[in-house]
Protein backbone atom coordinates (compact mmCIF):
# COMPACT_ATOMS: atom_id res chain seq x y z
CA MET A 1 196.19 -33.10 19.78
CA ARG A 2 197.18 -36.82 20.28
CA SER A 3 196.56 -36.24 24.08
CA THR A 4 192.69 -35.21 23.43
CA ARG A 5 192.32 -37.96 21.07
CA LEU A 6 193.27 -40.60 23.51
CA LEU A 7 191.58 -38.60 26.40
CA ALA A 8 188.05 -38.64 24.41
CA ALA A 9 188.53 -42.30 23.55
CA LEU A 10 189.54 -43.60 27.04
CA THR A 11 186.01 -41.35 28.49
CA ALA A 12 183.86 -42.52 25.32
CA LEU A 13 184.97 -46.22 26.62
CA LEU A 14 184.13 -45.34 29.93
CA LEU A 15 180.64 -44.50 29.55
CA VAL A 16 180.10 -47.41 26.84
CA LEU A 17 181.28 -49.89 29.71
CA ALA A 18 178.72 -48.17 32.11
CA ALA A 19 175.99 -48.76 29.23
CA CYS A 20 176.91 -52.49 29.47
CA THR A 21 176.78 -52.48 33.19
CA GLN A 22 173.53 -50.75 33.35
CA ALA A 23 172.24 -52.81 30.57
CA THR A 24 173.28 -56.21 32.65
CA THR A 25 171.41 -54.50 35.61
CA ASP A 26 168.03 -53.80 33.52
CA THR A 27 168.03 -57.30 32.24
CA THR A 28 167.87 -58.64 35.91
CA ALA A 29 165.15 -56.27 37.02
CA ALA A 30 163.11 -57.10 33.96
CA ALA A 31 163.17 -60.60 34.55
CA GLY A 32 159.49 -61.69 35.14
CA ASP A 33 157.82 -57.95 34.69
CA GLY A 34 156.51 -59.12 31.36
CA GLU A 35 157.27 -55.61 30.12
CA THR A 36 160.74 -54.40 29.90
CA THR A 37 163.02 -55.34 26.56
CA VAL A 38 165.88 -56.53 27.46
CA ALA A 39 168.94 -57.86 25.45
CA GLY A 40 168.26 -61.44 23.72
CA ASP A 41 164.68 -61.58 23.65
CA GLY A 42 164.83 -60.60 19.76
CA GLU A 43 164.76 -56.79 19.51
CA GLU A 44 167.47 -54.01 19.00
CA PRO A 45 169.17 -52.68 21.91
CA THR A 46 167.92 -49.20 22.36
CA GLY A 47 171.84 -47.87 21.99
CA SER A 48 174.39 -46.96 24.32
CA LEU A 49 174.50 -44.83 27.45
CA LEU A 50 176.91 -42.76 25.10
CA ASP A 51 174.42 -41.88 23.03
CA GLU A 52 172.29 -40.97 25.74
CA VAL A 53 174.43 -38.68 27.26
CA ALA A 54 175.18 -36.89 23.82
CA GLU A 55 171.79 -36.36 23.02
CA ARG A 56 171.09 -35.12 26.25
CA GLY A 57 173.93 -32.94 26.20
CA THR A 58 174.65 -33.08 30.05
CA LEU A 59 177.03 -35.70 31.96
CA VAL A 60 175.32 -36.94 34.99
CA CYS A 61 178.21 -37.32 37.34
CA GLY A 62 178.04 -39.04 41.15
CA VAL A 63 179.79 -37.27 43.72
CA ASN A 64 180.79 -36.51 47.39
CA ASP A 65 179.71 -33.01 48.60
CA ALA A 66 181.36 -33.14 52.08
CA VAL A 67 184.67 -34.01 51.61
CA PRO A 68 186.87 -30.69 50.69
CA GLY A 69 189.75 -31.24 48.35
CA PHE A 70 187.40 -34.12 46.64
CA GLY A 71 183.88 -33.45 46.37
CA PHE A 72 182.80 -30.47 48.25
CA VAL A 73 179.53 -27.79 47.85
CA GLY A 74 180.74 -24.27 49.01
CA ASP A 75 178.38 -21.82 50.33
CA ASP A 76 177.33 -20.13 47.24
CA GLY A 77 176.26 -23.75 46.05
CA THR A 78 179.12 -24.61 43.75
CA PHE A 79 181.08 -28.19 43.64
CA SER A 80 185.00 -28.04 43.53
CA GLY A 81 187.30 -30.91 44.49
CA PHE A 82 189.26 -33.17 42.67
CA ASP A 83 186.89 -35.87 41.60
CA VAL A 84 184.47 -33.11 40.83
CA GLU A 85 187.01 -31.99 38.07
CA PHE A 86 187.67 -35.70 36.84
CA CYS A 87 183.70 -35.07 36.03
CA LYS A 88 184.58 -32.15 34.28
CA VAL A 89 187.23 -33.78 32.21
CA VAL A 90 184.94 -36.35 30.44
CA ALA A 91 182.41 -34.05 29.67
CA ALA A 92 184.54 -31.82 27.58
CA ALA A 93 186.00 -35.05 26.26
CA VAL A 94 182.21 -36.38 25.00
CA LEU A 95 180.19 -33.40 24.81
CA GLY A 96 183.41 -30.53 24.30
CA ASP A 97 181.77 -28.52 27.37
CA ALA A 98 183.30 -28.70 31.05
CA GLU A 99 180.26 -27.25 32.15
CA ALA A 100 177.72 -29.66 31.20
CA VAL A 101 177.88 -31.97 33.84
CA ASP A 102 174.81 -32.24 36.34
CA PHE A 103 176.06 -33.24 39.62
CA ARG A 104 174.36 -35.86 41.93
CA PRO A 105 175.67 -35.84 45.68
CA LEU A 106 175.53 -39.63 46.76
CA THR A 107 176.22 -41.23 50.14
CA ALA A 108 178.61 -44.14 50.91
CA ALA A 109 174.96 -46.16 50.65
CA GLU A 110 173.17 -44.56 47.74
CA ARG A 111 176.63 -44.54 45.23
CA PHE A 112 176.15 -48.15 44.14
CA THR A 113 172.07 -48.23 43.71
CA ALA A 114 172.30 -44.78 41.66
CA LEU A 115 174.64 -46.48 39.35
CA GLN A 116 172.41 -49.69 39.09
CA THR A 117 169.52 -47.69 38.22
CA GLY A 118 170.77 -45.42 35.90
CA GLU A 119 170.09 -42.29 37.82
CA ILE A 120 173.76 -41.15 37.05
CA ASP A 121 175.97 -41.98 33.96
CA VAL A 122 179.12 -42.40 36.02
CA LEU A 123 180.26 -42.44 39.57
CA ILE A 124 183.65 -40.56 40.67
CA ARG A 125 183.86 -40.49 44.22
CA ASN A 126 186.13 -41.83 46.85
CA THR A 127 184.90 -45.36 46.81
CA THR A 128 187.00 -48.13 47.24
CA TRP A 129 187.83 -50.68 44.64
CA THR A 130 187.30 -54.29 46.19
CA ALA A 131 187.14 -57.49 43.73
CA THR A 132 183.65 -58.37 45.39
CA ARG A 133 182.55 -54.99 44.43
CA ASP A 134 184.00 -55.20 40.60
CA GLY A 135 181.19 -57.34 39.39
CA THR A 136 178.94 -58.03 42.18
CA GLU A 137 177.32 -54.26 42.88
CA GLY A 138 177.05 -54.07 38.87
CA ALA A 139 179.80 -51.74 38.44
CA THR A 140 182.80 -51.63 36.01
CA PHE A 141 185.79 -50.08 37.58
CA LEU A 142 188.31 -48.59 35.10
CA THR A 143 190.80 -46.39 36.66
CA THR A 144 192.06 -45.72 40.40
CA THR A 145 192.52 -42.12 40.65
CA PHE A 146 193.77 -41.78 44.44
CA TYR A 147 195.69 -44.15 45.94
CA ASP A 148 195.02 -44.12 50.40
CA GLY A 149 194.85 -45.88 53.48
CA GLN A 150 192.49 -46.02 56.33
CA GLY A 151 193.25 -43.79 59.52
CA LEU A 152 191.91 -43.01 62.66
CA MET A 153 191.17 -39.73 64.07
CA VAL A 154 190.57 -38.13 67.75
CA ARG A 155 190.70 -34.77 69.36
CA SER A 156 194.06 -33.71 70.32
CA ASP A 157 193.37 -33.71 73.74
CA SER A 158 191.90 -37.23 74.35
CA GLY A 159 195.05 -39.09 75.49
CA PHE A 160 195.27 -41.47 73.03
CA ALA A 161 198.16 -42.09 71.02
CA SER A 162 197.63 -45.10 69.14
CA ILE A 163 194.94 -47.58 68.21
CA ASP A 164 195.96 -49.44 70.65
CA ASP A 165 195.26 -47.34 73.68
CA MET A 166 191.52 -47.27 72.26
CA GLY A 167 189.91 -50.30 74.01
CA ASN A 168 186.39 -50.63 74.88
CA THR A 169 186.05 -47.13 72.73
CA ASP A 170 183.00 -45.95 70.29
CA ILE A 171 184.34 -45.05 66.64
CA CYS A 172 182.28 -43.05 64.07
CA VAL A 173 182.16 -44.61 60.93
CA LEU A 174 180.00 -44.42 57.04
CA GLN A 175 177.85 -47.45 57.27
CA GLY A 176 178.09 -49.92 54.27
CA THR A 177 182.00 -49.14 53.83
CA THR A 178 185.03 -51.18 53.38
CA THR A 179 186.32 -48.51 56.22
CA GLU A 180 183.62 -50.38 58.76
CA LEU A 181 184.84 -53.61 57.96
CA ASN A 182 188.34 -52.87 58.14
CA ILE A 183 187.32 -51.17 62.03
CA THR A 184 185.48 -54.13 63.01
CA SER A 185 188.26 -57.07 61.77
CA LEU A 186 190.87 -55.19 63.32
CA SER A 187 189.19 -54.67 66.56
CA GLU A 188 188.40 -58.31 66.73
CA SER A 189 192.08 -59.21 65.52
CA ARG A 190 193.67 -56.94 68.51
CA GLY A 191 190.74 -58.02 70.88
CA LEU A 192 190.25 -54.33 71.57
CA GLY A 193 186.27 -54.48 72.07
CA MET A 194 185.64 -51.42 69.65
CA ARG A 195 181.87 -50.32 68.96
CA ASN A 196 181.10 -49.23 65.77
CA VAL A 197 178.81 -46.20 65.50
CA THR A 198 177.19 -45.92 62.13
CA PHE A 199 175.73 -42.83 60.02
CA GLU A 200 174.59 -42.78 56.63
CA ASP A 201 176.45 -39.54 55.55
CA ASN A 202 179.54 -37.61 56.73
CA SER A 203 177.38 -34.53 57.93
CA ALA A 204 175.62 -36.43 60.42
CA LEU A 205 178.84 -38.13 61.25
CA GLN A 206 180.58 -35.20 61.89
CA ALA A 207 177.91 -33.57 64.04
CA ALA A 208 178.14 -36.88 66.36
CA PHE A 209 181.86 -36.68 66.58
CA GLU A 210 181.93 -32.80 67.45
CA ALA A 211 179.29 -33.73 70.19
CA GLY A 212 181.45 -35.99 71.68
CA GLN A 213 179.10 -39.53 71.14
CA CYS A 214 182.27 -41.05 69.73
CA ASP A 215 185.89 -41.58 70.77
CA GLY A 216 187.60 -41.97 67.27
CA TRP A 217 186.57 -41.36 63.58
CA THR A 218 187.70 -43.93 60.91
CA SER A 219 187.59 -43.13 57.26
CA ASP A 220 190.23 -42.86 54.24
CA LYS A 221 193.62 -40.57 55.53
CA SER A 222 192.93 -38.00 52.82
CA GLN A 223 189.61 -37.56 54.23
CA LEU A 224 190.13 -37.22 57.74
CA ALA A 225 192.90 -34.54 56.75
CA ALA A 226 190.74 -33.01 54.48
CA VAL A 227 187.89 -32.89 57.21
CA ARG A 228 190.55 -31.75 60.21
CA SER A 229 191.55 -28.98 57.61
CA ALA A 230 188.30 -27.33 57.52
CA PHE A 231 187.25 -28.44 61.55
CA PRO A 232 185.22 -25.44 63.50
CA GLU A 233 187.59 -26.00 65.98
CA GLY A 234 190.70 -25.71 64.09
CA PRO A 235 193.04 -28.25 63.10
CA GLU A 236 195.15 -28.49 65.96
CA ALA A 237 191.88 -29.66 67.68
CA LEU A 238 192.39 -33.20 66.37
CA THR A 239 195.15 -35.78 65.64
CA ILE A 240 195.07 -38.38 62.89
CA LEU A 241 196.74 -41.57 64.26
């Protein structure tokens, strides 16, 4: 019971903080429109995000839908994975029903916008916590759920044994991610001359990689391992450097 109460308190706090973030974003967006009421204009705020979720009866949770083991949609349309389970835990604590979740699949480019505009109540997906994002993206980071590092994956028959072998190659990467910034920085620091080929979502990226449009694929190591495990040609076709 003590653990349950603590979990309920933490998840309630999570939604309250998310509400504060949303209110700040709404204040910025409302400046000059002459219509939207914001905190500090003499009228009472409309209530917390936690109240909205309770009244609605469902939690709108932003997730990934293309990373096996974290956020993935099966052939039957069911969401599963590590991050998906966190959404269910929050719903169970706040609403008393682990299934009261409306999953919203979001790309890396869409995730913060969805949080800022209130399209989702909470974002629980692979998202790197950085000092810049913690505040400037209209988001409040609360708890790290998984520790990871960046990696690079190539075809096993490519002949590449390390990243230093990959000078003047094309690298598949999701746009708008810290992954993209990191690979650019590393390439410049080592004089490798790598060229980033960017995509909005993993489905398009994987299709390009399978078609040979990129020599390597860089992402979180856990994500690369997940993709490798379900690769159409079998896991042995790919190597994570």
